[in-house]
Amino acid sequence: MVVNLSGTPRSPAVFKCNFALADSSMVAPLCPKGYFPCGNLTKCLPRAFHCDGVDDCGNGADEDNCGDTSGWTTIFGTVHGNVNKVTLTQECFLSQYPQHCYCRENELECVKADLKAVPKVSSNVTLLSLKKNKIHRLPVKVFSRYTELRKIYLQHNCITHISRRAFLGLHNLQILYLSHNCITSLRPGIFKDLHQLAWLILDDNPITRISQKSFMGLNSLFFLSMVGNRLEALPETLCAQMPQLNWVDLANNGIKYITNSTFLTCDSLTVLFLPRNQIGFVPEKTFSSLKNLGELDLSSNMITKLPVHLFSDLHLLQKLNLSSNPLLYVHKNQFGSLKQLQSLDLERIEIPNISTGMFQPMKNLSHIVQYNDVPT
């Protein structure tokens, strides 16, 4: 079956495939990684559709929970067990905190409180939300008193400077949001004390360069998101300091190339998103060490050809997105090793040599997306 995930009418290509779909009587679908369920409907949508202002589900489920600290990340955390939702009482256990802030138990929210610096609060605080303030700098040891902190939210502050020792002593921190700021670089060792950090969200910052040393100390990092930065290249070995890295989202950057060593130590990686970059070529052995990879998105790049054995080691891959690349040719055995593949997206690609024989080895394939943007 040809499936159009975007929901927009397009002219179908000549090539179409028919595959069996899952049982439509399923009430609560188990969505694959990178997708979320539409409430009780038998429908899964890409995570990018969550909180985009459009009712893609039809029942509004994809537009629920769209606060700065929830949205698709909340669903992601629930699925992967990294965010445990706990019902809090209304009682405040903090003896010190600024006016215009809201306290529940050991958690403090100071959203749009016109703060120009990290405020002084009780040392037993476990969650500190400082979103949408005017905090431009994080000086040395600014959080050192708050050793019980588990979560910090600093979105929308236009932070320009972070001291190399700003996060010193935060050995229990699990989630750090630094998205929607003005950070241009990550100093070596800036996260070196964050040994328990599981999520690091750096979306929408003008960061142009990162190195292995930028991520020193992140021994437990599970999820790294740097969507919408200005990266042109990746470190020689991205996961050298992050051995537990499972999910990486680097969409909407300016990455021009990746090498055989870029993902060499990323043994734990299961989801890799690289869409909307400027990658022109992917070397043969780029993904050879990603034995556990379940989803790979290379869409909207500048890839003109794929080495014949590029995907040969991805035996657990379930979803592959190559859409919107100027591919001119696909090898006959390009997808031969992808026995577990369930979804293949070739949208907006015109491949003259494509044939059904290319897909025979993929017995689990249930969706192929291929459309040409040509007027009817």
Protein backbone atom coordinates (compact mmCIF):
# COMPACT_ATOMS: atom_id res chain seq x y z
CA MET A 1 0.00 0.00 0.00
CA VAL A 2 1.25 3.47 -0.79
CA VAL A 3 0.86 5.57 2.33
CA ASN A 4 1.00 9.37 2.31
CA LEU A 5 2.03 10.35 5.83
CA SER A 6 1.70 14.07 5.17
CA GLY A 7 -1.95 13.81 4.28
CA THR A 8 -1.52 16.11 1.27
CA PRO A 9 -2.79 14.95 -2.10
CA ARG A 10 -0.01 14.19 -4.54
CA SER A 11 0.28 12.40 -7.82
CA PRO A 12 1.34 8.79 -7.19
CA ALA A 13 4.41 7.49 -8.93
CA VAL A 14 4.18 4.65 -11.42
CA PHE A 15 5.70 2.26 -8.90
CA LYS A 16 3.35 1.06 -6.15
CA CYS A 17 3.61 -1.80 -3.69
CA ASN A 18 0.87 -3.58 -1.77
CA PHE A 19 1.61 -5.02 1.64
CA ALA A 20 -0.53 -6.32 4.45
CA LEU A 21 -1.35 -3.80 7.15
CA ALA A 22 -1.64 -4.53 10.86
CA ASP A 23 -4.96 -5.65 12.32
CA SER A 24 -7.28 -2.65 12.16
CA SER A 25 -9.21 -3.83 15.22
CA MET A 26 -6.34 -2.85 17.49
CA VAL A 27 -7.61 -0.24 19.95
CA ALA A 28 -4.40 1.12 21.44
CA PRO A 29 -1.64 0.79 18.86
CA LEU A 30 1.94 0.15 19.92
CA CYS A 31 3.62 2.84 17.89
CA PRO A 32 7.20 2.41 16.69
CA LYS A 33 9.97 4.66 17.91
CA GLY A 34 9.65 8.17 16.56
CA TYR A 35 5.84 7.93 16.38
CA PHE A 36 3.05 8.53 18.88
CA PRO A 37 -0.52 7.21 19.22
CA CYS A 38 -3.65 9.30 18.53
CA GLY A 39 -5.38 8.58 21.82
CA ASN A 40 -7.53 5.46 21.44
CA LEU A 41 -7.52 5.59 17.64
CA THR A 42 -5.71 2.94 15.62
CA LYS A 43 -3.35 5.53 14.23
CA CYS A 44 0.30 6.48 14.76
CA LEU A 45 1.83 9.75 13.59
CA PRO A 46 5.45 10.99 13.34
CA ARG A 47 6.51 12.86 16.48
CA ALA A 48 6.98 16.03 14.41
CA PHE A 49 3.19 16.22 14.05
CA HIS A 50 2.73 16.59 17.81
CA CYS A 51 1.97 20.14 18.91
CA ASP A 52 2.34 21.62 15.42
CA GLY A 53 -0.97 23.51 15.62
CA VAL A 54 -2.79 21.11 13.26
CA ASP A 55 -5.28 18.45 14.36
CA ASP A 56 -3.61 15.61 12.44
CA CYS A 57 -5.23 12.88 14.57
CA GLY A 58 -8.76 14.13 14.02
CA ASN A 59 -9.58 13.92 17.72
CA GLY A 60 -7.17 16.60 18.96
CA ALA A 61 -4.90 14.10 20.72
CA ASP A 62 -1.82 15.34 18.90
CA GLU A 63 -2.41 18.88 20.19
CA ASP A 64 -2.75 17.93 23.86
CA ASN A 65 0.01 18.50 26.43
CA CYS A 66 1.82 21.13 24.40
CA GLY A 67 3.55 23.06 27.16
CA ASP A 68 7.27 23.79 26.98
CA THR A 69 8.09 20.85 29.23
CA SER A 70 5.71 18.33 27.71
CA GLY A 71 4.51 17.70 24.16
CA TRP A 72 6.09 14.82 22.25
CA THR A 73 8.94 14.63 24.78
CA THR A 74 6.49 13.66 27.51
CA ILE A 75 5.15 10.85 25.35
CA PHE A 76 8.70 9.83 24.49
CA GLY A 77 9.65 9.76 28.15
CA THR A 78 6.61 7.71 29.12
CA VAL A 79 7.31 5.14 26.40
CA HIS A 80 10.98 4.83 27.30
CA GLY A 81 10.56 5.05 31.06
CA ASN A 82 12.69 8.15 31.58
CA VAL A 83 9.97 10.42 32.96
CA ASN A 84 7.93 9.07 35.84
CA LYS A 85 4.73 11.03 36.22
CA VAL A 86 4.10 11.57 39.92
CA THR A 87 0.97 13.18 41.36
CA LEU A 88 2.10 16.03 43.58
CA THR A 89 0.29 17.51 46.54
CA GLN A 90 -0.36 21.24 46.68
CA GLU A 91 1.84 21.64 49.77
CA CYS A 92 5.15 23.48 49.38
CA PHE A 93 8.26 22.06 51.04
CA LEU A 94 10.53 24.97 50.07
CA SER A 95 11.13 27.63 52.71
CA GLN A 96 12.72 30.16 50.34
CA TYR A 97 11.73 31.20 46.81
CA PRO A 98 10.89 34.46 44.96
CA GLN A 99 7.48 36.02 44.62
CA HIS A 100 5.56 35.28 41.43
CA CYS A 101 6.84 31.70 41.52
CA TYR A 102 4.70 28.61 42.07
CA CYS A 103 5.80 25.89 44.46
CA ARG A 104 4.52 22.34 44.85
CA GLU A 105 6.37 20.04 47.23
CA ASN A 106 10.05 20.38 46.19
CA GLU A 107 9.36 21.73 42.69
CA LEU A 108 9.45 25.40 41.73
CA GLU A 109 8.14 27.12 38.60
CA CYS A 110 9.20 30.70 37.89
CA VAL A 111 7.83 31.19 34.39
CA LYS A 112 7.67 34.74 32.96
CA ALA A 113 8.75 36.09 36.35
CA ASP A 114 11.02 38.79 34.85
CA LEU A 115 14.07 37.16 36.44
CA LYS A 116 17.48 38.37 35.29
CA ALA A 117 19.47 35.74 37.20
CA VAL A 118 18.97 32.32 38.74
CA PRO A 119 17.10 33.08 41.99
CA LYS A 120 18.01 31.96 45.50
CA VAL A 121 15.78 29.13 46.63
CA SER A 122 15.83 26.41 49.27
CA SER A 123 18.56 23.86 48.75
CA ASN A 124 16.09 20.93 48.77
CA VAL A 125 14.56 21.95 45.41
CA THR A 126 14.32 19.03 42.95
CA LEU A 127 12.81 20.77 39.89
CA LEU A 128 13.57 24.33 38.80
CA SER A 129 11.67 25.82 35.88
CA LEU A 130 12.94 29.25 34.81
CA LYS A 131 11.40 29.41 31.34
CA LYS A 132 10.71 32.69 29.57
CA ASN A 133 12.74 35.00 31.77
CA LYS A 134 15.65 37.34 31.04
CA ILE A 135 18.53 35.21 32.26
CA HIS A 136 21.42 35.82 29.87
CA ARG A 137 24.30 34.30 31.84
CA LEU A 138 24.93 31.20 33.96
CA PRO A 139 27.97 32.03 36.12
CA VAL A 140 30.33 29.73 38.06
CA LYS A 141 28.60 27.37 40.52
CA VAL A 142 25.23 29.07 39.99
CA PHE A 143 23.42 25.82 40.87
CA SER A 144 26.00 24.41 43.34
CA ARG A 145 23.66 24.73 46.38
CA TYR A 146 20.95 22.68 44.71
CA THR A 147 22.54 19.24 44.73
CA GLU A 148 19.13 17.51 44.86
CA LEU A 149 18.04 18.96 41.51
CA ARG A 150 16.66 16.38 39.07
CA LYS A 151 15.29 18.70 36.36
CA ILE A 152 16.18 22.19 35.11
CA TYR A 153 14.17 24.07 32.46
CA LEU A 154 15.82 27.18 31.00
CA GLN A 155 14.04 27.62 27.66
CA HIS A 156 13.46 31.06 26.11
CA ASN A 157 15.96 33.13 28.12
CA CYS A 158 18.44 34.16 25.40
CA ILE A 159 21.30 32.71 27.43
CA THR A 160 24.52 33.73 25.72
CA HIS A 161 27.16 32.66 28.24
CA ILE A 162 27.49 29.48 30.30
CA SER A 163 30.50 29.17 32.59
CA ARG A 164 32.46 25.96 32.33
CA ARG A 165 31.56 25.35 35.99
CA ALA A 166 27.94 26.50 35.93
CA PHE A 167 26.59 22.97 36.52
CA LEU A 168 29.22 21.94 39.07
CA GLY A 169 27.94 19.52 41.70
CA LEU A 170 24.69 18.54 39.98
CA HIS A 171 25.39 14.82 40.29
CA ASN A 172 21.66 13.95 40.45
CA LEU A 173 20.44 15.98 37.49
CA GLN A 174 18.49 13.90 34.97
CA ILE A 175 16.89 16.40 32.59
CA LEU A 176 18.32 19.69 31.28
CA TYR A 177 16.47 21.93 28.83
CA LEU A 178 18.52 24.72 27.22
CA SER A 179 16.45 25.11 24.05
CA HIS A 180 15.43 28.43 22.47
CA ASN A 181 18.41 30.39 23.74
CA CYS A 182 21.37 32.27 22.23
CA ILE A 183 24.13 29.76 22.98
CA THR A 184 26.83 29.78 20.30
CA SER A 185 29.26 27.20 21.72
CA LEU A 186 29.58 24.46 24.33
CA ARG A 187 32.78 24.78 26.34
CA PRO A 188 34.84 21.62 26.92
CA GLY A 189 33.83 19.99 30.22
CA ILE A 190 30.73 22.13 30.68
CA PHE A 191 28.65 19.03 31.57
CA LYS A 192 31.41 17.05 33.30
CA ASP A 193 29.56 16.68 36.64
CA LEU A 194 26.27 15.56 35.08
CA HIS A 195 26.91 11.83 35.37
CA GLN A 196 23.21 10.99 35.79
CA LEU A 197 21.89 13.24 33.02
CA ALA A 198 19.52 11.32 30.73
CA TRP A 199 18.08 14.12 28.56
CA LEU A 200 19.92 17.10 27.09
CA ILE A 201 17.77 19.40 24.93
CA LEU A 202 19.64 22.14 23.03
CA ASP A 203 17.15 22.86 20.24
CA ASP A 204 17.05 26.24 18.49
CA ASN A 205 20.40 27.69 19.51
CA PRO A 206 22.97 29.21 17.12
CA ILE A 207 25.58 26.57 18.01
CA THR A 208 27.98 26.17 15.10
CA ARG A 209 30.46 23.62 16.41
CA ILE A 210 30.65 20.76 18.92
CA SER A 211 33.51 18.48 19.92
CA GLN A 212 33.90 15.27 21.90
CA LYS A 213 35.00 17.34 24.90
CA SER A 214 31.71 19.26 24.82
CA PHE A 215 30.02 16.13 26.19
CA MET A 216 32.56 15.00 28.80
CA GLY A 217 30.92 13.41 31.84
CA LEU A 218 27.65 12.45 30.16
CA ASN A 219 28.05 8.77 30.95
CA SER A 220 24.29 8.17 31.29
CA LEU A 221 22.95 10.38 28.51
CA PHE A 222 20.08 8.66 26.71
CA PHE A 223 18.58 11.43 24.57
CA LEU A 224 20.41 14.28 22.80
CA SER A 225 18.46 16.82 20.76
CA MET A 226 20.11 19.67 18.83
CA VAL A 227 17.36 20.46 16.33
CA GLY A 228 17.57 23.81 14.57
CA ASN A 229 21.15 24.75 15.41
CA ARG A 230 23.84 25.79 12.91
CA LEU A 231 26.11 22.76 13.01
CA GLU A 232 28.15 22.21 9.86
CA ALA A 233 30.04 19.14 11.07
CA LEU A 234 29.96 16.53 13.81
CA PRO A 235 32.80 15.39 16.09
CA GLU A 236 35.11 12.68 14.77
CA THR A 237 33.35 10.19 17.07
CA LEU A 238 30.08 11.63 18.34
CA CYS A 239 29.42 9.13 21.13
CA ALA A 240 32.93 8.91 22.56
CA GLN A 241 31.81 10.58 25.82
CA MET A 242 28.21 9.32 25.68
CA PRO A 243 28.32 5.49 25.70
CA GLN A 244 24.60 5.09 26.58
CA LEU A 245 23.28 7.43 23.89
CA ASN A 246 20.09 5.91 22.50
CA TRP A 247 18.27 8.68 20.60
CA VAL A 248 19.89 11.53 18.62
CA ASP A 249 17.99 14.26 16.80
CA LEU A 250 20.11 16.61 14.65
CA ALA A 251 17.41 17.81 12.26
CA ASN A 252 17.50 21.27 10.68
CA ASN A 253 21.21 21.99 10.85
CA GLY A 254 23.79 22.65 8.15
CA ILE A 255 25.74 19.38 8.48
CA LYS A 256 27.58 18.84 5.21
CA TYR A 257 29.24 15.48 5.75
CA ILE A 258 29.54 12.47 8.03
CA THR A 259 32.42 9.98 8.04
CA ASN A 260 33.09 6.31 8.77
CA SER A 261 34.07 7.23 12.34
CA THR A 262 31.23 9.65 13.20
CA PHE A 263 29.05 6.96 14.80
CA LEU A 264 31.80 4.43 15.49
CA THR A 265 31.19 4.25 19.26
CA CYS A 266 27.40 4.70 19.16
CA ASP A 267 26.68 1.04 19.96
CA SER A 268 23.52 1.85 21.96
CA LEU A 269 21.90 4.08 19.34
CA THR A 270 18.39 3.03 18.28
CA VAL A 271 17.07 6.28 16.72
CA LEU A 272 19.09 8.64 14.49
CA PHE A 273 17.52 11.69 12.89
CA LEU A 274 19.53 13.71 10.36
CA PRO A 275 16.82 15.28 8.14
CA ARG A 276 17.01 18.75 6.57
CA ASN A 277 20.79 19.05 6.54
CA GLN A 278 23.23 19.42 3.64
CA ILE A 279 24.77 15.95 3.60
CA GLY A 280 25.94 15.16 0.07
CA PHE A 281 27.49 11.72 0.52
CA VAL A 282 27.41 8.96 3.12
CA PRO A 283 30.50 6.68 3.14
CA GLU A 284 30.12 2.90 2.96
CA LYS A 285 30.85 2.05 6.61
CA THR A 286 29.13 5.03 8.24
CA PHE A 287 26.48 2.94 10.02
CA SER A 288 28.42 -0.33 10.40
CA SER A 289 28.63 -0.11 14.22
CA LEU A 290 24.94 0.72 14.74
CA LYS A 291 23.81 -2.86 15.32
CA ASN A 292 20.80 -1.76 17.42
CA LEU A 293 19.51 1.02 15.16
CA GLY A 294 15.74 0.84 14.71
CA GLU A 295 15.02 4.10 12.87
CA LEU A 296 17.13 6.19 10.48
CA ASP A 297 16.03 9.47 8.89
CA LEU A 298 18.23 10.95 6.15
CA SER A 299 15.46 12.87 4.40
CA SER A 300 15.81 16.30 2.81
CA ASN A 301 19.56 16.20 2.31
CA MET A 302 21.66 16.38 -0.88
CA ILE A 303 22.49 12.71 -1.31
CA THR A 304 22.83 11.69 -4.96
CA LYS A 305 24.03 8.10 -4.49
CA LEU A 306 24.19 5.43 -1.82
CA PRO A 307 27.03 2.89 -1.46
CA VAL A 308 25.65 -0.57 -2.14
CA HIS A 309 26.46 -1.91 1.35
CA LEU A 310 25.58 1.24 3.32
CA PHE A 311 22.75 -0.46 5.24
CA SER A 312 24.17 -3.99 5.31
CA ASP A 313 24.84 -4.02 9.08
CA LEU A 314 21.49 -2.55 10.14
CA HIS A 315 19.77 -5.87 10.75
CA LEU A 316 17.29 -4.42 13.29
CA LEU A 317 16.28 -1.37 11.26
CA GLN A 318 12.50 -0.92 11.15
CA LYS A 319 12.10 2.53 9.59
CA LEU A 320 14.17 4.19 6.88
CA ASN A 321 13.43 7.64 5.45
CA LEU A 322 15.34 8.70 2.33
CA SER A 323 12.72 11.12 1.00
CA SER A 324 13.52 14.44 -0.69
CA ASN A 325 17.06 13.52 -1.73
CA PRO A 326 18.29 13.94 -5.33
CA LEU A 327 19.00 10.21 -5.64
CA LEU A 328 19.63 9.14 -9.21
CA TYR A 329 20.16 5.43 -8.75
CA VAL A 330 19.49 2.68 -6.21
CA HIS A 331 21.49 -0.56 -6.31
CA LYS A 332 19.50 -3.74 -6.88
CA ASN A 333 20.61 -5.09 -3.49
CA GLN A 334 20.50 -1.73 -1.66
CA PHE A 335 17.93 -2.93 0.88
CA GLY A 336 18.69 -6.65 0.79
CA SER A 337 19.92 -6.94 4.38
CA LEU A 338 17.01 -5.02 5.96
CA LYS A 339 14.98 -8.07 6.97
CA GLN A 340 13.18 -6.24 9.79
CA LEU A 341 12.27 -3.11 7.83
CA GLN A 342 8.61 -2.13 8.21
CA SER A 343 8.52 1.31 6.59
CA LEU A 344 10.50 2.78 3.68
CA ASP A 345 9.97 6.41 2.66
CA LEU A 346 11.09 7.36 -0.86
CA GLU A 347 8.82 10.36 -1.21
CA ARG A 348 9.78 12.97 -3.81
CA ILE A 349 12.46 10.73 -5.35
CA GLU A 350 12.41 9.71 -8.99
CA ILE A 351 14.40 6.49 -9.39
CA PRO A 352 14.29 5.10 -12.93
CA ASN A 353 15.61 1.63 -12.07
CA ILE A 354 13.27 0.84 -9.16
CA SER A 355 11.54 -2.56 -9.23
CA THR A 356 9.56 -4.76 -6.88
CA GLY A 357 12.46 -7.24 -6.77
CA MET A 358 14.43 -4.80 -4.63
CA PHE A 359 11.97 -5.28 -1.79
CA GLN A 360 11.47 -9.06 -1.82
CA PRO A 361 13.94 -9.75 1.06
CA MET A 362 11.99 -7.41 3.37
CA LYS A 363 9.22 -9.76 4.53
CA ASN A 364 8.10 -7.38 7.32
CA LEU A 365 7.69 -4.35 5.08
CA SER A 366 4.17 -2.95 5.44
CA HIS A 367 4.56 0.61 4.14
CA ILE A 368 6.35 2.17 1.20
CA VAL A 369 5.88 5.86 0.61
CA GLN A 370 6.73 7.12 -2.86
CA TYR A 371 5.18 10.15 -4.53
CA ASN A 372 6.33 12.50 -7.24
CA ASP A 373 5.42 16.16 -6.90
CA VAL A 374 4.18 16.49 -10.44
CA PRO A 375 0.86 18.14 -11.30
CA THR A 376 -1.95 15.96 -12.51
